Amino acid sequence: TQEPPPDKPPEAISIDVQYDGTVLWNGTATSPTDMRAYIKDAAAKDPQPEVHLSVDRRAKYDYAASVLFAVQRGGLKKIGFVADANGAL
C-alpha cells in the first residue's frame, strides 16, 4: 500500500516587534497601514496561517499590545508567542 503524501505544514507569518516599536512582517519593516492590509489578506486565506509573534524584551508593552490587538481584530485566530534563545518572550 502507498502512504498518502504528508500534509503540507501550515503557512506561518513571523511578526517581530523591535525594541523601538518597529514591526517586521516576515522580516520586512512595515507601516501600520500595510500591516493591516497584510492581516486582512492572511485572515481571508483558508486555512488561515499561524502567526508567530516575537517581541524584543526591551520593547514597551504598548508596542506589543497594539500589534496583538491589530492581529486579533483583523480576524487571525492562530497566534503564538515565540521566545528568544534565552527563553524570554
PDB file of N, CA and C in Angstrom:
ATOM      1  N   THR A   1       0.836  -1.192   0.000  1.00  0.00           N
ATOM      2  CA  THR A   1       0.000   0.000   0.000  1.00  0.00           C
ATOM      3  C   THR A   1       0.875   1.248   0.000  1.00  0.00           C
ATOM      4  N   GLN A   2       0.324   2.257  -0.604  1.00  0.00           N
ATOM      5  CA  GLN A   2       1.078   3.506  -0.683  1.00  0.00           C
ATOM      6  C   GLN A   2       0.528   4.494   0.351  1.00  0.00           C
ATOM      7  N   GLU A   3       1.432   5.111   1.099  1.00  0.00           N
ATOM      8  CA  GLU A   3       1.003   6.076   2.102  1.00  0.00           C
ATOM      9  C   GLU A   3       0.662   7.397   1.428  1.00  0.00           C
ATOM     10  N   PRO A   4      -0.342   8.093   1.961  1.00  0.00           N
ATOM     11  CA  PRO A   4      -0.649   9.402   1.381  1.00  0.00           C
ATOM     12  C   PRO A   4       0.506  10.371   1.631  1.00  0.00           C
ATOM     13  N   PRO A   5       0.667  11.354   0.772  1.00  0.00           N
ATOM     14  CA  PRO A   5       1.765  12.313   0.991  1.00  0.00           C
ATOM     15  C   PRO A   5       1.528  13.074   2.298  1.00  0.00           C
ATOM     16  N   PRO A   6       2.603  13.468   2.956  1.00  0.00           N
ATOM     17  CA  PRO A   6       2.423  14.203   4.214  1.00  0.00           C
ATOM     18  C   PRO A   6       1.736  15.540   3.950  1.00  0.00           C
ATOM     19  N   ASP A   7       0.925  15.933   4.924  1.00  0.00           N
ATOM     20  CA  ASP A   7       0.269  17.231   4.793  1.00  0.00           C
ATOM     21  C   ASP A   7       1.313  18.328   4.772  1.00  0.00           C
ATOM     22  N   LYS A   8       1.032  19.329   3.957  1.00  0.00           N
ATOM     23  CA  LYS A   8       1.918  20.478   3.906  1.00  0.00           C
ATOM     24  C   LYS A   8       1.789  21.219   5.242  1.00  0.00           C
ATOM     25  N   PRO A   9       2.914  21.593   5.857  1.00  0.00           N
ATOM     26  CA  PRO A   9       2.794  22.310   7.126  1.00  0.00           C
ATOM     27  C   PRO A   9       2.045  23.624   6.913  1.00  0.00           C
ATOM     28  N   PRO A  10       1.308  24.062   7.922  1.00  0.00           N
ATOM     29  CA  PRO A  10       0.558  25.302   7.755  1.00  0.00           C
ATOM     30  C   PRO A  10       1.497  26.480   7.529  1.00  0.00           C
ATOM     31  N   GLU A  11       1.027  27.410   6.732  1.00  0.00           N
ATOM     32  CA  GLU A  11       1.797  28.622   6.488  1.00  0.00           C
ATOM     33  C   GLU A  11       1.948  29.361   7.818  1.00  0.00           C
ATOM     34  N   ALA A  12       3.081  29.984   8.002  1.00  0.00           N
ATOM     35  CA  ALA A  12       3.304  30.752   9.233  1.00  0.00           C
ATOM     36  C   ALA A  12       3.781  32.157   8.871  1.00  0.00           C
ATOM     37  N   ILE A  13       3.279  33.118   9.611  1.00  0.00           N
ATOM     38  CA  ILE A  13       3.683  34.506   9.452  1.00  0.00           C
ATOM     39  C   ILE A  13       4.503  34.869  10.682  1.00  0.00           C
ATOM     40  N   SER A  14       5.648  35.460  10.454  1.00  0.00           N
ATOM     41  CA  SER A  14       6.502  35.887  11.548  1.00  0.00           C
ATOM     42  C   SER A  14       6.349  37.396  11.723  1.00  0.00           C
ATOM     43  N   ILE A  15       5.917  37.804  12.903  1.00  0.00           N
ATOM     44  CA  ILE A  15       5.821  39.227  13.224  1.00  0.00           C
ATOM     45  C   ILE A  15       6.767  39.494  14.385  1.00  0.00           C
ATOM     46  N   ASP A  16       7.694  40.410  14.160  1.00  0.00           N
ATOM     47  CA  ASP A  16       8.666  40.769  15.187  1.00  0.00           C
ATOM     48  C   ASP A  16       8.447  42.218  15.595  1.00  0.00           C
ATOM     49  N   VAL A  17       8.337  42.446  16.893  1.00  0.00           N
ATOM     50  CA  VAL A  17       8.232  43.799  17.421  1.00  0.00           C
ATOM     51  C   VAL A  17       9.605  44.149  17.997  1.00  0.00           C
ATOM     52  N   GLN A  18      10.248  45.151  17.409  1.00  0.00           N
ATOM     53  CA  GLN A  18      11.577  45.563  17.828  1.00  0.00           C
ATOM     54  C   GLN A  18      11.494  46.473  19.058  1.00  0.00           C
ATOM     55  N   TYR A  19      12.601  46.668  19.727  1.00  0.00           N
ATOM     56  CA  TYR A  19      12.630  47.474  20.953  1.00  0.00           C
ATOM     57  C   TYR A  19      12.141  48.900  20.738  1.00  0.00           C
ATOM     58  N   ASP A  20      12.314  49.435  19.502  1.00  0.00           N
ATOM     59  CA  ASP A  20      11.921  50.821  19.230  1.00  0.00           C
ATOM     60  C   ASP A  20      10.507  50.939  18.653  1.00  0.00           C
ATOM     61  N   GLY A  21       9.783  49.809  18.602  1.00  0.00           N
ATOM     62  CA  GLY A  21       8.420  49.820  18.083  1.00  0.00           C
ATOM     63  C   GLY A  21       8.305  49.457  16.622  1.00  0.00           C
ATOM     64  N   THR A  22       9.425  49.292  15.928  1.00  0.00           N
ATOM     65  CA  THR A  22       9.388  48.860  14.536  1.00  0.00           C
ATOM     66  C   THR A  22       8.788  47.465  14.465  1.00  0.00           C
ATOM     67  N   VAL A  23       7.912  47.255  13.494  1.00  0.00           N
ATOM     68  CA  VAL A  23       7.273  45.949  13.324  1.00  0.00           C
ATOM     69  C   VAL A  23       7.782  45.332  12.021  1.00  0.00           C
ATOM     70  N   LEU A  24       8.252  44.099  12.115  1.00  0.00           N
ATOM     71  CA  LEU A  24       8.711  43.355  10.944  1.00  0.00           C
ATOM     72  C   LEU A  24       7.682  42.288  10.615  1.00  0.00           C
ATOM     73  N   TRP A  25       7.244  42.263   9.366  1.00  0.00           N
ATOM     74  CA  TRP A  25       6.313  41.240   8.874  1.00  0.00           C
ATOM     75  C   TRP A  25       7.144  40.315   8.003  1.00  0.00           C
ATOM     76  N   ASN A  26       7.344  39.105   8.437  1.00  0.00           N
ATOM     77  CA  ASN A  26       8.207  38.146   7.732  1.00  0.00           C
ATOM     78  C   ASN A  26       9.561  38.764   7.400  1.00  0.00           C
ATOM     79  N   GLY A  27      10.106  39.506   8.370  1.00  0.00           N
ATOM     80  CA  GLY A  27      11.451  40.051   8.229  1.00  0.00           C
ATOM     81  C   GLY A  27      11.554  41.408   7.572  1.00  0.00           C
ATOM     82  N   THR A  28      10.442  41.974   7.110  1.00  0.00           N
ATOM     83  CA  THR A  28      10.458  43.261   6.425  1.00  0.00           C
ATOM     84  C   THR A  28       9.717  44.308   7.248  1.00  0.00           C
ATOM     85  N   ALA A  29      10.372  45.444   7.489  1.00  0.00           N
ATOM     86  CA  ALA A  29       9.730  46.525   8.244  1.00  0.00           C
ATOM     87  C   ALA A  29       8.463  46.961   7.521  1.00  0.00           C
ATOM     88  N   THR A  30       7.417  47.208   8.304  1.00  0.00           N
ATOM     89  CA  THR A  30       6.127  47.549   7.712  1.00  0.00           C
ATOM     90  C   THR A  30       5.466  48.677   8.494  1.00  0.00           C
ATOM     91  N   SER A  31       4.643  49.434   7.799  1.00  0.00           N
ATOM     92  CA  SER A  31       3.882  50.503   8.449  1.00  0.00           C
ATOM     93  C   SER A  31       2.596  49.910   9.016  1.00  0.00           C
ATOM     94  N   PRO A  32       1.953  50.623   9.953  1.00  0.00           N
ATOM     95  CA  PRO A  32       0.672  50.125  10.474  1.00  0.00           C
ATOM     96  C   PRO A  32      -0.373  49.919   9.374  1.00  0.00           C
ATOM     97  N   THR A  33      -0.405  50.810   8.391  1.00  0.00           N
ATOM     98  CA  THR A  33      -1.371  50.679   7.294  1.00  0.00           C
ATOM     99  C   THR A  33      -1.112  49.421   6.482  1.00  0.00           C
ATOM    100  N   ASP A  34       0.150  49.182   6.123  1.00  0.00           N
ATOM    101  CA  ASP A  34       0.488  47.979   5.363  1.00  0.00           C
ATOM    102  C   ASP A  34       0.215  46.725   6.190  1.00  0.00           C
ATOM    103  N   MET A  35       0.520  46.779   7.484  1.00  0.00           N
ATOM    104  CA  MET A  35       0.295  45.607   8.324  1.00  0.00           C
ATOM    105  C   MET A  35      -1.187  45.244   8.364  1.00  0.00           C
ATOM    106  N   ARG A  36      -2.057  46.238   8.464  1.00  0.00           N
ATOM    107  CA  ARG A  36      -3.497  45.951   8.454  1.00  0.00           C
ATOM    108  C   ARG A  36      -3.906  45.271   7.150  1.00  0.00           C
ATOM    109  N   ALA A  37      -3.330  45.708   6.029  1.00  0.00           N
ATOM    110  CA  ALA A  37      -3.639  45.079   4.741  1.00  0.00           C
ATOM    111  C   ALA A  37      -3.128  43.641   4.706  1.00  0.00           C
ATOM    112  N   TYR A  38      -1.927  43.407   5.227  1.00  0.00           N
ATOM    113  CA  TYR A  38      -1.373  42.049   5.273  1.00  0.00           C
ATOM    114  C   TYR A  38      -2.248  41.148   6.141  1.00  0.00           C
ATOM    115  N   ILE A  39      -2.683  41.678   7.275  1.00  0.00           N
ATOM    116  CA  ILE A  39      -3.533  40.897   8.185  1.00  0.00           C
ATOM    117  C   ILE A  39      -4.839  40.531   7.489  1.00  0.00           C
ATOM    118  N   LYS A  40      -5.439  41.494   6.810  1.00  0.00           N
ATOM    119  CA  LYS A  40      -6.706  41.244   6.113  1.00  0.00           C
ATOM    120  C   LYS A  40      -6.539  40.144   5.071  1.00  0.00           C
ATOM    121  N   ASP A  41      -5.456  40.213   4.297  1.00  0.00           N
ATOM    122  CA  ASP A  41      -5.198  39.185   3.281  1.00  0.00           C
ATOM    123  C   ASP A  41      -4.995  37.816   3.922  1.00  0.00           C
ATOM    124  N   ALA A  42      -4.222  37.775   5.003  1.00  0.00           N
ATOM    125  CA  ALA A  42      -3.936  36.499   5.668  1.00  0.00           C
ATOM    126  C   ALA A  42      -5.198  35.906   6.288  1.00  0.00           C
ATOM    127  N   ALA A  43      -6.052  36.756   6.861  1.00  0.00           N
ATOM    128  CA  ALA A  43      -7.272  36.277   7.503  1.00  0.00           C
ATOM    129  C   ALA A  43      -8.246  35.671   6.505  1.00  0.00           C
ATOM    130  N   ALA A  44      -8.152  36.084   5.239  1.00  0.00           N
ATOM    131  CA  ALA A  44      -9.056  35.581   4.207  1.00  0.00           C
ATOM    132  C   ALA A  44      -8.626  34.218   3.674  1.00  0.00           C
ATOM    133  N   LYS A  45      -7.417  33.784   4.001  1.00  0.00           N
ATOM    134  CA  LYS A  45      -6.916  32.503   3.495  1.00  0.00           C
ATOM    135  C   LYS A  45      -7.584  31.342   4.222  1.00  0.00           C
ATOM    136  N   ASP A  46      -7.695  30.229   3.508  1.00  0.00           N
ATOM    137  CA  ASP A  46      -8.249  29.023   4.099  1.00  0.00           C
ATOM    138  C   ASP A  46      -7.329  27.863   3.774  1.00  0.00           C
ATOM    139  N   PRO A  47      -6.643  27.295   4.739  1.00  0.00           N
ATOM    140  CA  PRO A  47      -6.698  27.613   6.159  1.00  0.00           C
ATOM    141  C   PRO A  47      -5.893  28.877   6.465  1.00  0.00           C
ATOM    142  N   GLN A  48      -6.244  29.491   7.560  1.00  0.00           N
ATOM    143  CA  GLN A  48      -5.519  30.682   7.981  1.00  0.00           C
ATOM    144  C   GLN A  48      -4.098  30.310   8.392  1.00  0.00           C
ATOM    145  N   PRO A  49      -3.147  31.175   8.084  1.00  0.00           N
ATOM    146  CA  PRO A  49      -1.780  30.921   8.543  1.00  0.00           C
ATOM    147  C   PRO A  49      -1.660  31.133  10.051  1.00  0.00           C
ATOM    148  N   GLU A  50      -0.650  30.522  10.617  1.00  0.00           N
ATOM    149  CA  GLU A  50      -0.337  30.756  12.018  1.00  0.00           C
ATOM    150  C   GLU A  50       0.460  32.054  12.113  1.00  0.00           C
ATOM    151  N   VAL A  51       0.289  32.774  13.207  1.00  0.00           N
ATOM    152  CA  VAL A  51       1.061  33.982  13.454  1.00  0.00           C
ATOM    153  C   VAL A  51       2.031  33.683  14.590  1.00  0.00           C
ATOM    154  N   HIS A  52       3.306  33.888  14.327  1.00  0.00           N
ATOM    155  CA  HIS A  52       4.335  33.709  15.338  1.00  0.00           C
ATOM    156  C   HIS A  52       4.816  35.102  15.737  1.00  0.00           C
ATOM    157  N   LEU A  53       4.444  35.538  16.921  1.00  0.00           N
ATOM    158  CA  LEU A  53       4.746  36.883  17.403  1.00  0.00           C
ATOM    159  C   LEU A  53       5.941  36.848  18.337  1.00  0.00           C
ATOM    160  N   SER A  54       6.943  37.625  17.987  1.00  0.00           N
ATOM    161  CA  SER A  54       8.150  37.724  18.801  1.00  0.00           C
ATOM    162  C   SER A  54       8.330  39.185  19.196  1.00  0.00           C
ATOM    163  N   VAL A  55       8.534  39.416  20.481  1.00  0.00           N
ATOM    164  CA  VAL A  55       8.654  40.780  20.994  1.00  0.00           C
ATOM    165  C   VAL A  55      10.008  40.938  21.679  1.00  0.00           C
ATOM    166  N   ASP A  56      10.755  41.948  21.267  1.00  0.00           N
ATOM    167  CA  ASP A  56      12.030  42.241  21.909  1.00  0.00           C
ATOM    168  C   ASP A  56      11.768  42.537  23.385  1.00  0.00           C
ATOM    169  N   ARG A  57      12.578  41.982  24.253  1.00  0.00           N
ATOM    170  CA  ARG A  57      12.335  42.143  25.689  1.00  0.00           C
ATOM    171  C   ARG A  57      12.464  43.588  26.144  1.00  0.00           C
ATOM    172  N   ARG A  58      13.110  44.432  25.333  1.00  0.00           N
ATOM    173  CA  ARG A  58      13.261  45.848  25.688  1.00  0.00           C
ATOM    174  C   ARG A  58      12.125  46.706  25.138  1.00  0.00           C
ATOM    175  N   ALA A  59      11.235  46.102  24.357  1.00  0.00           N
ATOM    176  CA  ALA A  59      10.131  46.862  23.747  1.00  0.00           C
ATOM    177  C   ALA A  59       9.105  47.252  24.804  1.00  0.00           C
ATOM    178  N   LYS A  60       8.504  48.411  24.602  1.00  0.00           N
ATOM    179  CA  LYS A  60       7.433  48.835  25.504  1.00  0.00           C
ATOM    180  C   LYS A  60       6.242  47.906  25.329  1.00  0.00           C
ATOM    181  N   TYR A  61       5.547  47.668  26.427  1.00  0.00           N
ATOM    182  CA  TYR A  61       4.360  46.809  26.395  1.00  0.00           C
ATOM    183  C   TYR A  61       3.358  47.311  25.361  1.00  0.00           C
ATOM    184  N   ASP A  62       3.209  48.626  25.256  1.00  0.00           N
ATOM    185  CA  ASP A  62       2.232  49.208  24.323  1.00  0.00           C
ATOM    186  C   ASP A  62       2.486  48.772  22.882  1.00  0.00           C
ATOM    187  N   TYR A  63       3.749  48.641  22.497  1.00  0.00           N
ATOM    188  CA  TYR A  63       4.066  48.224  21.125  1.00  0.00           C
ATOM    189  C   TYR A  63       3.516  46.827  20.860  1.00  0.00           C
ATOM    190  N   ALA A  64       3.811  45.914  21.772  1.00  0.00           N
ATOM    191  CA  ALA A  64       3.360  44.530  21.606  1.00  0.00           C
ATOM    192  C   ALA A  64       1.842  44.444  21.654  1.00  0.00           C
ATOM    193  N   ALA A  65       1.239  45.170  22.594  1.00  0.00           N
ATOM    194  CA  ALA A  65      -0.215  45.120  22.752  1.00  0.00           C
ATOM    195  C   ALA A  65      -0.922  45.629  21.499  1.00  0.00           C
ATOM    196  N   SER A  66      -0.410  46.695  20.898  1.00  0.00           N
ATOM    197  CA  SER A  66      -1.070  47.237  19.705  1.00  0.00           C
ATOM    198  C   SER A  66      -0.975  46.274  18.525  1.00  0.00           C
ATOM    199  N   VAL A  67       0.151  45.576  18.395  1.00  0.00           N
ATOM    200  CA  VAL A  67       0.295  44.598  17.310  1.00  0.00           C
ATOM    201  C   VAL A  67      -0.639  43.414  17.562  1.00  0.00           C
ATOM    202  N   LEU A  68      -0.668  42.918  18.775  1.00  0.00           N
ATOM    203  CA  LEU A  68      -1.543  41.792  19.109  1.00  0.00           C
ATOM    204  C   LEU A  68      -3.003  42.170  18.873  1.00  0.00           C
ATOM    205  N   PHE A  69      -3.382  43.361  19.277  1.00  0.00           N
ATOM    206  CA  PHE A  69      -4.750  43.834  19.075  1.00  0.00           C
ATOM    207  C   PHE A  69      -5.084  43.891  17.582  1.00  0.00           C
ATOM    208  N   ALA A  70      -4.162  44.416  16.771  1.00  0.00           N
ATOM    209  CA  ALA A  70      -4.403  44.515  15.327  1.00  0.00           C
ATOM    210  C   ALA A  70      -4.577  43.138  14.697  1.00  0.00           C
ATOM    211  N   VAL A  71      -3.766  42.183  15.122  1.00  0.00           N
ATOM    212  CA  VAL A  71      -3.845  40.821  14.576  1.00  0.00           C
ATOM    213  C   VAL A  71      -5.183  40.180  14.949  1.00  0.00           C
ATOM    214  N   GLN A  72      -5.565  40.297  16.219  1.00  0.00           N
ATOM    215  CA  GLN A  72      -6.826  39.708  16.660  1.00  0.00           C
ATOM    216  C   GLN A  72      -8.023  40.405  16.022  1.00  0.00           C
ATOM    217  N   ARG A  73      -7.983  41.721  15.994  1.00  0.00           N
ATOM    218  CA  ARG A  73      -9.089  42.488  15.407  1.00  0.00           C
ATOM    219  C   ARG A  73      -9.217  42.206  13.911  1.00  0.00           C
ATOM    220  N   GLY A  74      -8.083  41.913  13.278  1.00  0.00           N
ATOM    221  CA  GLY A  74      -8.092  41.611  11.855  1.00  0.00           C
ATOM    222  C   GLY A  74      -8.646  40.233  11.526  1.00  0.00           C
ATOM    223  N   GLY A  75      -8.899  39.416  12.551  1.00  0.00           N
ATOM    224  CA  GLY A  75      -9.539  38.129  12.320  1.00  0.00           C
ATOM    225  C   GLY A  75      -8.626  36.927  12.300  1.00  0.00           C
ATOM    226  N   LEU A  76      -7.343  37.120  12.555  1.00  0.00           N
ATOM    227  CA  LEU A  76      -6.448  35.965  12.610  1.00  0.00           C
ATOM    228  C   LEU A  76      -6.630  35.263  13.952  1.00  0.00           C
ATOM    229  N   LYS A  77      -6.747  33.936  13.899  1.00  0.00           N
ATOM    230  CA  LYS A  77      -7.102  33.158  15.087  1.00  0.00           C
ATOM    231  C   LYS A  77      -5.925  32.423  15.728  1.00  0.00           C
ATOM    232  N   LYS A  78      -4.967  31.971  14.925  1.00  0.00           N
ATOM    233  CA  LYS A  78      -3.869  31.146  15.433  1.00  0.00           C
ATOM    234  C   LYS A  78      -2.658  32.030  15.707  1.00  0.00           C
ATOM    235  N   ILE A  79      -2.520  32.435  16.972  1.00  0.00           N
ATOM    236  CA  ILE A  79      -1.449  33.355  17.348  1.00  0.00           C
ATOM    237  C   ILE A  79      -0.628  32.707  18.446  1.00  0.00           C
ATOM    238  N   GLY A  80       0.657  32.690  18.252  1.00  0.00           N
ATOM    239  CA  GLY A  80       1.540  32.141  19.274  1.00  0.00           C
ATOM    240  C   GLY A  80       2.710  33.074  19.518  1.00  0.00           C
ATOM    241  N   PHE A  81       3.191  33.075  20.749  1.00  0.00           N
ATOM    242  CA  PHE A  81       4.355  33.879  21.089  1.00  0.00           C
ATOM    243  C   PHE A  81       5.600  33.022  20.957  1.00  0.00           C
ATOM    244  N   VAL A  82       6.651  33.623  20.418  1.00  0.00           N
ATOM    245  CA  VAL A  82       7.903  32.921  20.216  1.00  0.00           C
ATOM    246  C   VAL A  82       8.911  33.478  21.216  1.00  0.00           C
ATOM    247  N   ALA A  83       9.535  32.591  21.978  1.00  0.00           N
ATOM    248  CA  ALA A  83      10.550  33.006  22.947  1.00  0.00           C
ATOM    249  C   ALA A  83      11.888  33.137  22.251  1.00  0.00           C
ATOM    250  N   ASP A  84      12.732  34.016  22.780  1.00  0.00           N
ATOM    251  CA  ASP A  84      14.080  34.131  22.223  1.00  0.00           C
ATOM    252  C   ASP A  84      14.950  32.989  22.751  1.00  0.00           C
ATOM    253  N   ALA A  85      16.205  32.991  22.373  1.00  0.00           N
ATOM    254  CA  ALA A  85      17.099  31.890  22.738  1.00  0.00           C
ATOM    255  C   ALA A  85      17.277  31.757  24.251  1.00  0.00           C
ATOM    256  N   ASN A  86      17.030  32.849  24.991  1.00  0.00           N
ATOM    257  CA  ASN A  86      17.161  32.818  26.438  1.00  0.00           C
ATOM    258  C   ASN A  86      15.882  32.448  27.141  1.00  0.00           C
ATOM    259  N   GLY A  87      14.842  32.132  26.369  1.00  0.00           N
ATOM    260  CA  GLY A  87      13.571  31.734  26.951  1.00  0.00           C
ATOM    261  C   GLY A  87      12.657  32.889  27.295  1.00  0.00           C
ATOM    262  N   ALA A  88      13.096  34.113  27.011  1.00  0.00           N
ATOM    263  CA  ALA A  88      12.252  35.278  27.307  1.00  0.00           C
ATOM    264  C   ALA A  88      11.286  35.514  26.160  1.00  0.00           C
ATOM    265  N   LEU A  89      10.108  36.001  26.501  1.00  0.00           N
ATOM    266  CA  LEU A  89       9.135  36.335  25.470  1.00  0.00           C
ATOM    267  C   LEU A  89       9.359  37.729  24.983  1.00  0.00           C
TER     268      LEU A  89
END
